[in-house]
Structures are given as C-alpha cells and as structure tokens.
Amino acid sequence: MDNQQIIQEGRKGSIIVFFVVLGQMFTKAFLNSILSFHFYGPVVQEWNLFYEVSVKMATAFMLALTENLGLPHLNSFQKITSIPSIVPLTGSVKPLKNPIFPNLAVVEHIKHHAPGDWPETANHLNHAIYAEWIYAPKCDHNYAIYMLHGGAYFAGSIQVNRRMAYFLSAQAKTPVFGINYRLAPQHMYPCAVIDAVSGYIKLLESHDPKKIVIVGDSAGGGLTLATLLVIRDMGLPLPGGGYTMSPWCDLANYFTNFFENHVSDYLPCVGTNVQDGQVHLYIRDKHARTPYASPYWSSSFHNLPPLLIQCGSAEKLYTEIKAFSKKAVKLGWNSVKMEVYKSHVHVFQAFEFTSASNVAMKRAGEWIRIVTRSPNKQDHHINQRVDLDFHGKITKRERV
C-alpha cells in the first residue's frame, strides 16, 4: 500500500491507518529537520536543533490531522485532539460533580446582540457542560483561574490542557477551573461563548469575581476576550483580569499577512482554505466580524479588567495580535500588557522544555497573583509592551 492509498484509507475513518500516516510523517519530519539543520542551518537564527525538530514534528501532526483525517470523520478528529495530557504526580484533577448548563440570561443577551440563525433556546439550555478543577500543591482555593482551551473552536478540551493548567497553577499558586465548551461544527457560534460565560457565572457562586482570572490559548484566547466583552455588556461583576496566549481574535482573516511566518510556525497553512475552513466551522463568513466571535472588531474596550497577552514573534498570528493590542488601547482598554517572545511560535508556552516557556509561565503566574491579590499595584495599571529574547530575558520595555 503506497502513501496515497494510506491517506485515502485514513479519510474513510480508519484511526489505525491514520496513526500509520502520522508515523510516516513524523519520521520524515524528524529526518528532514535534522538534515536541513545540518546543511542549511536553523529556520530561525535563534533555534537549536531540538526546538526545530519539535516545531517540525508539531507541523507534521497538524498536517496529518487536517489533511488525512479531516471533516468526513470529525468525531474521530475531535477525539484524537482531546486526548488528556499527563499531569505530574503532585497535581490533582477533580471533575465537577454536577455539570453546568447554559445560563438563560446569557443565551437571551447574546441572541439579541449576535447575527445569524439561531437554534431554539431549549437546545442551548439542555446541553450539559463538563467542568473540572486542576491544581498544584499549596494553592489558595479562595482564588481561581478560569481556563478556556484552544483548538480553533472545533477541537481540543480542558483535558488536553491539563498539563499546562497544572504548571500555571503552580506558578500562580491558584487552582484552575476549566470547561469543555461546545465544539463546531456540531455547535456553531455562539455556543462556545454562551458556555464560556455560563461557566464564569457558575464560578461566581463560590468565588469573589476579583479573585478570578480568565485564561485561554489560541482560540481559547479569543474566547477569553469575547467572554470579557459579554461579561461587561451584561453588567456582570468583572473578573480580576484576563490572560491570553497567542489569542486568535479575528476570525474574518482581515490581516492578509497571516502567512508572514508560514515557514517558522506549525499552524496549518496550505493556502487560505485551511484557515478559512476552520472559520467556516464555527461561524459563517458574513458574520465573522461580530465582536463576540472576533473581539478585534469590537467598537469599545472601555471598562474591562487588566489584560496580559503573550505571543511569539515567529507565529502566524503575530501581526493580528499586535494590531489587536494597539486597537484595544486606542479604544479604551486602560491596562494591557503585551509580552513578545522573540523567535517563538504559536502557544510556545506548551514547549515546556524551553527556558522562554518557563519564564512566560512564571511571569504569568506572578501577574495573576498581583491582579487578584494586589490589584492596586501601579505598574499593572498602565499599557505597556515588553520584548523578551529567545531565552526569556527582557530586552525592551515601553509604554503604549
């Protein structure tokens, strides 16, 4: 059976064959990256061999999923991208005993502020939302990190984010509460944001809002921003802050230079159809600029809590993230801190073997402790950009 036949079998839904394809792509990516590094040097000047191999392996995994499994067998796709990550033995995972259900007030609010065709309200209210706590030792359970996972709105889970949640919990000395919001295309916009805000309302039953920070990576970062907008617009108590890792904040793909780092980043990028296809799964093109789906297009960022954004300069969303932070400050967000880690890729915090990942988590943990425990500290109420080198050392700091 040649490789093309294997790919066709993978599209028929054979998970076993998919992993054969994945193994072949991993082997090819591993060998090619070593040879390329040896003969031509690193793709990015600062990268060492291990980092380059890791990025190429991540690229192979993403391509194997998007090209060889794909939409005909989306349930299998979602299961593979939701495999739980391993939490260190010192960590704890405790599922919420009773599921969360979408909040009626949230459904009605978004229904009046969001475009598009709507399922019956009852279809929203009857959906059970899984939730769990993840925490490291010596956490203060009076505080909470509310985590929204990434996955382009059609994949991922809080289970796959457990390891990242654990390390953030350890640095912030704060337990992490996470949910599995509904995924597209089975549940299109605005299901994810309804579930995210409903989870926050559930957390308010046990925690002071000022002791909560909402956190998300990639699509979960964009969802974090959208959740903050809904919380503000509904008049709900604001959390102590928001922290986003490489947030996807413009689903309309306004930034045509999305592909500026296509060689260095691992996100799928085989023509515009790949990214557009992901958008289509969650929201239709004609509605993609609604702020609760694409926070970049909000007309006001007043009355929002402190925000920390971390991104890498070698990721495809870098231009988009820079533009969002500038627009947010211009339109009223009065406490935005953006950290740019030189030559790092999308959600580099997951590359825990790097010093920059450790630095980013440590800085995020410290920031979370400050905004929830010492909210009046002056330097966390200014808009600033911090540039850090590949190893996480600060090279420049400026107000924006």
Protein backbone atom coordinates (compact mmCIF):
# COMPACT_ATOMS: atom_id res chain seq x y z
CA MET A 1 0.00 0.00 0.00
CA ASP A 2 1.58 3.29 -1.08
CA ASN A 3 1.26 6.54 0.85
CA GLN A 4 -1.63 7.89 -1.27
CA GLN A 5 -3.66 4.74 -0.62
CA ILE A 6 -2.97 5.07 3.08
CA ILE A 7 -4.25 8.65 3.02
CA GLN A 8 -7.43 7.55 1.24
CA GLU A 9 -7.99 4.85 3.85
CA GLY A 10 -7.46 7.46 6.55
CA ARG A 11 -10.24 9.54 5.03
CA LYS A 12 -12.52 6.53 5.28
CA GLY A 13 -12.19 6.75 9.03
CA SER A 14 -9.51 4.20 9.91
CA ILE A 15 -7.81 5.55 13.04
CA ILE A 16 -5.19 2.82 12.83
CA VAL A 17 -4.24 3.85 9.33
CA PHE A 18 -4.22 7.48 10.43
CA PHE A 19 -1.56 6.69 13.00
CA VAL A 20 0.44 4.83 10.33
CA VAL A 21 0.33 8.03 8.26
CA LEU A 22 1.26 10.05 11.32
CA GLY A 23 4.22 7.77 11.99
CA GLN A 24 5.43 8.18 8.42
CA MET A 25 5.07 11.96 8.60
CA PHE A 26 6.84 12.11 11.96
CA THR A 27 9.74 10.06 10.61
CA LYS A 28 10.01 12.25 7.52
CA ALA A 29 9.78 15.48 9.53
CA PHE A 30 12.37 14.24 12.02
CA LEU A 31 14.91 13.25 9.37
CA ASN A 32 14.31 16.28 7.15
CA SER A 33 14.66 18.74 10.03
CA ILE A 34 17.96 17.18 11.14
CA LEU A 35 19.39 17.18 7.62
CA SER A 36 18.15 20.70 6.90
CA PHE A 37 19.57 22.00 10.18
CA HIS A 38 22.93 20.36 9.47
CA PHE A 39 23.31 21.55 5.88
CA TYR A 40 21.42 24.87 5.84
CA GLY A 41 21.23 25.95 9.46
CA PRO A 42 18.11 26.70 11.52
CA VAL A 43 14.89 28.05 10.04
CA VAL A 44 15.09 30.84 12.63
CA GLN A 45 18.50 32.03 13.76
CA GLU A 46 17.92 31.50 17.48
CA TRP A 47 16.57 27.96 17.18
CA ASN A 48 18.63 24.98 18.31
CA LEU A 49 18.20 21.54 16.77
CA PHE A 50 15.79 20.28 19.42
CA TYR A 51 13.47 23.28 19.02
CA GLU A 52 13.46 23.00 15.23
CA VAL A 53 12.71 19.27 15.36
CA SER A 54 9.90 19.92 17.85
CA VAL A 55 8.29 22.55 15.61
CA LYS A 56 8.54 20.31 12.54
CA MET A 57 7.01 17.40 14.47
CA ALA A 58 4.14 19.64 15.59
CA THR A 59 3.70 20.73 11.97
CA ALA A 60 3.56 17.09 10.84
CA PHE A 61 0.91 16.31 13.45
CA MET A 62 -1.26 19.26 12.41
CA LEU A 63 -0.95 18.38 8.73
CA ALA A 64 -1.75 14.72 9.40
CA LEU A 65 -4.94 15.75 11.17
CA THR A 66 -6.13 18.38 8.72
CA GLU A 67 -5.18 16.59 5.51
CA ASN A 68 -5.52 12.89 6.26
CA LEU A 69 -8.44 12.65 8.65
CA GLY A 70 -10.36 15.83 8.01
CA LEU A 71 -14.03 16.71 8.11
CA PRO A 72 -15.60 13.45 6.88
CA HIS A 73 -14.70 11.90 10.23
CA LEU A 74 -14.76 14.91 12.51
CA ASN A 75 -15.73 12.94 15.63
CA SER A 76 -12.53 10.92 15.31
CA PHE A 77 -10.60 14.15 14.71
CA GLN A 78 -12.05 15.67 17.89
CA LYS A 79 -11.29 12.57 19.96
CA ILE A 80 -7.66 12.47 18.83
CA THR A 81 -7.16 16.17 19.62
CA SER A 82 -8.77 15.74 23.05
CA ILE A 83 -6.50 13.04 24.47
CA PRO A 84 -5.72 14.04 28.10
CA SER A 85 -2.24 15.32 28.81
CA ILE A 86 -0.25 13.88 31.69
CA VAL A 87 -0.35 15.83 34.95
CA PRO A 88 2.66 15.45 37.32
CA LEU A 89 2.09 13.15 40.30
CA THR A 90 1.88 16.14 42.63
CA GLY A 91 -1.10 17.51 40.71
CA SER A 92 -4.79 16.91 41.31
CA VAL A 93 -7.70 16.65 38.87
CA LYS A 94 -11.24 16.77 40.24
CA PRO A 95 -14.22 16.74 37.88
CA LEU A 96 -17.16 18.87 38.95
CA LYS A 97 -19.78 16.54 40.43
CA ASN A 98 -22.69 18.20 38.66
CA PRO A 99 -22.49 19.52 35.10
CA ILE A 100 -23.03 23.18 34.25
CA PHE A 101 -25.90 24.18 31.99
CA PRO A 102 -26.03 27.26 29.73
CA ASN A 103 -27.42 30.27 31.54
CA LEU A 104 -30.75 31.57 30.17
CA ALA A 105 -29.81 35.23 30.70
CA VAL A 106 -26.60 34.72 28.70
CA VAL A 107 -28.47 32.97 25.88
CA GLU A 108 -31.02 35.79 25.66
CA HIS A 109 -28.37 38.53 25.80
CA ILE A 110 -26.26 37.07 23.01
CA LYS A 111 -29.37 36.24 20.99
CA HIS A 112 -30.18 39.97 20.86
CA HIS A 113 -26.60 41.02 20.08
CA ALA A 114 -25.41 38.37 17.67
CA PRO A 115 -26.32 37.84 14.00
CA GLY A 116 -27.16 34.57 12.34
CA ASP A 117 -29.67 31.76 12.52
CA TRP A 118 -30.42 30.51 15.98
CA PRO A 119 -31.29 27.09 17.39
CA GLU A 120 -34.23 27.04 19.77
CA THR A 121 -33.37 28.37 23.22
CA ALA A 122 -34.24 24.99 24.73
CA ASN A 123 -31.49 23.36 22.66
CA HIS A 124 -28.96 25.59 24.40
CA LEU A 125 -30.31 25.14 27.90
CA ASN A 126 -30.36 21.34 27.78
CA HIS A 127 -26.69 20.92 26.98
CA ALA A 128 -24.54 19.73 29.90
CA ILE A 129 -21.10 21.36 30.13
CA TYR A 130 -18.30 19.24 31.60
CA ALA A 131 -16.01 21.03 34.07
CA GLU A 132 -13.07 20.11 36.28
CA TRP A 133 -10.50 21.52 38.70
CA ILE A 134 -6.76 21.08 38.11
CA TYR A 135 -4.29 22.28 40.71
CA ALA A 136 -0.77 22.00 42.04
CA PRO A 137 0.14 21.72 45.75
CA LYS A 138 -0.06 24.74 48.06
CA CYS A 139 -2.73 26.56 46.05
CA ASP A 140 -5.01 29.12 47.66
CA HIS A 141 -8.51 27.88 46.84
CA ASN A 142 -10.04 31.27 47.57
CA TYR A 143 -8.73 32.27 44.13
CA ALA A 144 -9.38 30.73 40.72
CA ILE A 145 -8.00 30.64 37.18
CA TYR A 146 -10.80 30.03 34.69
CA MET A 147 -9.25 28.30 31.65
CA LEU A 148 -10.74 28.15 28.13
CA HIS A 149 -8.90 25.69 25.89
CA GLY A 150 -7.76 26.24 22.31
CA GLY A 151 -8.43 24.18 19.20
CA ALA A 152 -9.85 26.53 16.55
CA TYR A 153 -13.32 26.12 18.10
CA PHE A 154 -13.72 22.63 16.63
CA ALA A 155 -11.20 20.57 18.62
CA GLY A 156 -9.44 20.36 21.98
CA SER A 157 -10.63 20.03 25.57
CA ILE A 158 -9.74 21.04 29.10
CA GLN A 159 -8.34 17.51 29.49
CA VAL A 160 -5.71 18.11 26.81
CA ASN A 161 -4.81 21.38 28.58
CA ARG A 162 -4.34 19.74 31.97
CA ARG A 163 -0.56 19.80 31.94
CA MET A 164 -0.41 23.47 31.00
CA ALA A 165 -3.07 24.18 33.61
CA TYR A 166 -1.01 22.41 36.26
CA PHE A 167 2.15 24.45 35.56
CA LEU A 168 0.20 27.71 35.53
CA SER A 169 -1.49 26.69 38.78
CA ALA A 170 1.91 26.00 40.34
CA GLN A 171 3.28 29.41 39.33
CA ALA A 172 0.18 31.37 40.34
CA LYS A 173 -0.49 29.32 43.49
CA THR A 174 -4.06 29.24 42.23
CA PRO A 175 -6.31 26.31 41.20
CA VAL A 176 -7.52 26.10 37.59
CA PHE A 177 -11.18 25.62 36.71
CA GLY A 178 -11.83 24.58 33.12
CA ILE A 179 -14.77 23.59 30.94
CA ASN A 180 -15.42 21.75 27.70
CA TYR A 181 -17.48 24.25 25.74
CA ARG A 182 -19.47 23.00 22.75
CA LEU A 183 -17.45 22.49 19.59
CA ALA A 184 -18.18 23.36 15.97
CA PRO A 185 -19.50 22.41 13.51
CA GLN A 186 -21.97 20.42 15.58
CA HIS A 187 -22.43 23.56 17.66
CA MET A 188 -21.62 26.74 15.78
CA TYR A 189 -21.30 30.30 17.07
CA PRO A 190 -22.39 31.48 19.62
CA CYS A 191 -22.41 28.18 21.53
CA ALA A 192 -18.80 28.46 22.71
CA VAL A 193 -19.18 31.96 24.14
CA ILE A 194 -22.53 31.07 25.76
CA ASP A 195 -20.88 28.14 27.53
CA ALA A 196 -17.82 30.19 28.49
CA VAL A 197 -19.87 32.94 30.15
CA SER A 198 -22.14 30.37 31.79
CA GLY A 199 -19.07 28.69 33.28
CA TYR A 200 -17.94 32.03 34.68
CA ILE A 201 -21.35 32.61 36.26
CA LYS A 202 -21.10 29.17 37.88
CA LEU A 203 -17.69 30.09 39.29
CA LEU A 204 -19.17 33.26 40.80
CA GLU A 205 -21.26 31.05 43.08
CA SER A 206 -18.11 30.12 45.01
CA HIS A 207 -15.58 32.87 44.28
CA ASP A 208 -15.23 36.64 44.53
CA PRO A 209 -15.00 37.89 40.91
CA LYS A 210 -11.92 39.98 41.72
CA LYS A 211 -10.18 36.74 42.72
CA ILE A 212 -10.75 35.17 39.30
CA VAL A 213 -8.60 35.49 36.17
CA ILE A 214 -9.89 34.17 32.83
CA VAL A 215 -7.20 32.44 30.76
CA GLY A 216 -7.12 31.00 27.24
CA ASP A 217 -4.73 29.88 24.50
CA SER A 218 -5.19 30.35 20.73
CA ALA A 219 -8.95 30.12 20.02
CA GLY A 220 -9.40 29.94 23.78
CA GLY A 221 -7.55 33.27 23.97
CA GLY A 222 -10.01 34.82 21.55
CA LEU A 223 -12.84 33.24 23.52
CA THR A 224 -11.40 34.77 26.70
CA LEU A 225 -11.57 38.22 25.12
CA ALA A 226 -15.12 37.60 23.86
CA THR A 227 -16.17 36.36 27.30
CA LEU A 228 -14.84 39.55 28.90
CA LEU A 229 -16.88 41.64 26.43
CA VAL A 230 -20.09 39.72 27.21
CA ILE A 231 -19.48 39.94 30.96
CA ARG A 232 -19.07 43.70 30.66
CA ASP A 233 -22.05 44.18 28.35
CA MET A 234 -24.33 42.13 30.61
CA GLY A 235 -23.31 44.13 33.67
CA LEU A 236 -21.91 41.08 35.43
CA PRO A 237 -19.13 41.50 38.01
CA LEU A 238 -15.80 41.76 36.19
CA PRO A 239 -13.01 39.29 36.99
CA GLY A 240 -9.65 40.39 38.34
CA GLY A 241 -8.05 40.05 34.92
CA GLY A 242 -7.63 38.19 31.64
CA TYR A 243 -4.56 36.33 30.34
CA THR A 244 -4.26 35.19 26.73
CA MET A 245 -1.61 33.08 24.99
CA SER A 246 -1.42 33.73 21.23
CA PRO A 247 -5.09 34.75 21.03
CA TRP A 248 -6.99 34.24 17.77
CA CYS A 249 -9.03 37.43 17.85
CA ASP A 250 -10.02 37.99 14.21
CA LEU A 251 -11.94 35.18 12.53
CA ALA A 252 -12.60 37.38 9.49
CA ASN A 253 -8.96 36.97 8.42
CA TYR A 254 -8.62 40.70 7.81
CA PHE A 255 -4.85 40.52 8.18
CA THR A 256 -3.65 39.29 4.82
CA ASN A 257 -0.12 38.79 6.14
CA PHE A 258 -1.37 35.89 8.26
CA PHE A 259 1.19 33.89 6.34
CA GLU A 260 4.21 36.03 7.19
CA ASN A 261 5.64 33.31 9.45
CA HIS A 262 4.40 30.31 7.47
CA VAL A 263 7.90 28.79 7.39
CA SER A 264 8.52 29.08 11.11
CA ASP A 265 5.12 28.34 12.68
CA TYR A 266 3.37 24.97 12.90
CA LEU A 267 -0.23 26.10 12.35
CA PRO A 268 -1.76 24.61 9.18
CA CYS A 269 -1.23 26.89 6.22
CA VAL A 270 -1.74 25.17 2.85
CA GLY A 271 -3.38 28.09 1.08
CA THR A 272 -6.07 30.23 2.65
CA ASN A 273 -8.66 27.45 2.55
CA VAL A 274 -7.23 25.75 5.63
CA GLN A 275 -7.68 28.72 7.93
CA ASP A 276 -10.90 29.76 6.20
CA GLY A 277 -12.22 26.23 6.60
CA GLN A 278 -11.69 26.48 10.33
CA VAL A 279 -13.59 29.76 10.42
CA HIS A 280 -16.47 28.29 8.46
CA LEU A 281 -16.88 25.52 11.00
CA TYR A 282 -17.58 27.98 13.82
CA ILE A 283 -19.18 31.00 12.13
CA ARG A 284 -20.27 31.93 8.62
CA ASP A 285 -18.15 34.42 6.68
CA LYS A 286 -20.81 37.13 6.61
CA HIS A 287 -20.97 37.17 10.41
CA ALA A 288 -17.25 36.74 11.15
CA ARG A 289 -16.76 40.34 12.31
CA THR A 290 -19.24 40.16 15.17
CA PRO A 291 -17.24 41.10 18.31
CA TYR A 292 -18.41 38.13 20.36
CA ALA A 293 -16.71 35.88 17.79
CA SER A 294 -13.91 38.22 16.66
CA PRO A 295 -13.06 40.56 19.56
CA TYR A 296 -10.78 42.60 17.31
CA TRP A 297 -13.90 44.14 15.74
CA SER A 298 -15.36 45.47 18.97
CA SER A 299 -16.01 49.23 18.86
CA SER A 300 -15.26 49.75 22.55
CA PHE A 301 -12.83 48.32 25.06
CA HIS A 302 -13.75 50.55 27.98
CA ASN A 303 -14.45 49.20 31.46
CA LEU A 304 -12.51 45.97 31.16
CA PRO A 305 -10.09 44.38 33.67
CA PRO A 306 -6.29 44.21 33.31
CA LEU A 307 -5.14 42.07 30.38
CA LEU A 308 -1.91 40.14 29.79
CA ILE A 309 -1.13 38.98 26.24
CA GLN A 310 1.81 36.72 25.45
CA CYS A 311 2.84 35.77 21.91
CA GLY A 312 5.84 34.75 19.84
CA SER A 313 7.34 36.84 17.06
CA ALA A 314 7.64 33.75 14.82
CA GLU A 315 3.96 32.81 14.90
CA LYS A 316 1.43 33.34 12.14
CA LEU A 317 -0.92 35.38 14.32
CA TYR A 318 1.76 37.86 15.40
CA THR A 319 0.57 40.76 13.22
CA GLU A 320 -3.04 40.18 14.23
CA ILE A 321 -2.19 40.11 17.92
CA LYS A 322 -0.12 43.31 17.66
CA ALA A 323 -2.97 45.05 15.86
CA PHE A 324 -5.48 43.92 18.48
CA SER A 325 -3.41 45.20 21.39
CA LYS A 326 -2.96 48.60 19.74
CA LYS A 327 -6.65 48.89 18.89
CA ALA A 328 -7.71 47.80 22.37
CA VAL A 329 -5.58 50.54 23.95
CA LYS A 330 -6.79 53.14 21.44
CA LEU A 331 -10.44 52.29 22.12
CA GLY A 332 -10.30 52.43 25.88
CA TRP A 333 -8.69 49.34 27.42
CA ASN A 334 -6.56 51.05 30.04
CA SER A 335 -4.46 48.15 31.32
CA VAL A 336 -3.00 45.99 28.53
CA LYS A 337 0.39 44.34 28.93
CA MET A 338 1.75 42.63 25.81
CA GLU A 339 4.78 40.36 26.03
CA VAL A 340 6.53 39.37 22.77
CA TYR A 341 8.98 36.46 22.93
CA LYS A 342 11.47 36.67 20.08
CA SER A 343 11.52 33.82 17.54
CA HIS A 344 8.94 31.71 19.35
CA VAL A 345 5.93 30.02 17.75
CA HIS A 346 2.19 29.82 18.44
CA VAL A 347 1.41 28.97 22.10
CA PHE A 348 5.09 28.38 22.80
CA GLN A 349 4.19 28.01 26.48
CA ALA A 350 3.38 24.39 25.64
CA PHE A 351 7.04 23.85 24.68
CA GLU A 352 7.91 23.37 28.33
CA PHE A 353 11.50 22.26 27.58
CA THR A 354 12.39 25.86 26.64
CA SER A 355 13.55 28.50 29.08
CA ALA A 356 11.15 31.02 27.50
CA SER A 357 8.17 28.78 28.26
CA ASN A 358 9.22 28.59 31.89
CA VAL A 359 9.79 32.35 32.02
CA ALA A 360 6.39 33.05 30.41
CA MET A 361 4.58 30.81 32.88
CA LYS A 362 6.46 32.32 35.80
CA ARG A 363 5.69 35.87 34.66
CA ALA A 364 2.04 34.98 34.04
CA GLY A 365 1.78 33.39 37.48
CA GLU A 366 3.24 36.48 39.12
CA TRP A 367 0.89 38.74 37.12
CA ILE A 368 -2.12 36.65 38.16
CA ARG A 369 -1.13 36.85 41.81
CA ILE A 370 -0.72 40.62 41.59
CA VAL A 371 -4.03 41.42 39.81
CA THR A 372 -6.00 39.19 42.18
CA ARG A 373 -4.16 39.82 45.44
CA SER A 374 -2.58 43.28 44.98
CA PRO A 375 -4.82 44.91 42.33
CA ASN A 376 -3.70 48.46 43.16
CA LYS A 377 -0.07 47.88 42.26
CA GLN A 378 0.75 50.80 39.95
CA ASP A 379 2.72 49.11 37.15
CA HIS A 380 -0.18 46.79 36.38
CA HIS A 381 -2.47 49.70 35.53
CA ILE A 382 -0.54 51.01 32.55
CA ASN A 383 -0.44 49.95 28.92
CA GLN A 384 2.94 48.53 28.05
CA ARG A 385 4.80 46.24 25.68
CA VAL A 386 7.65 44.06 26.89
CA ASP A 387 10.05 42.45 24.40
CA LEU A 388 11.97 39.38 25.52
CA ASP A 389 14.70 37.44 23.76
CA PHE A 390 14.56 33.77 22.82
CA HIS A 391 15.55 32.72 26.33
CA GLY A 392 13.05 34.99 28.06
CA LYS A 393 15.32 37.85 29.08
CA ILE A 394 13.78 41.32 28.83
CA THR A 395 15.38 43.40 26.06
CA LYS A 396 12.97 46.32 25.87
CA ARG A 397 10.08 47.78 27.80
CA GLU A 398 7.91 50.66 26.63
CA ARG A 399 4.54 52.26 27.27
CA VAL A 400 1.98 52.09 24.51
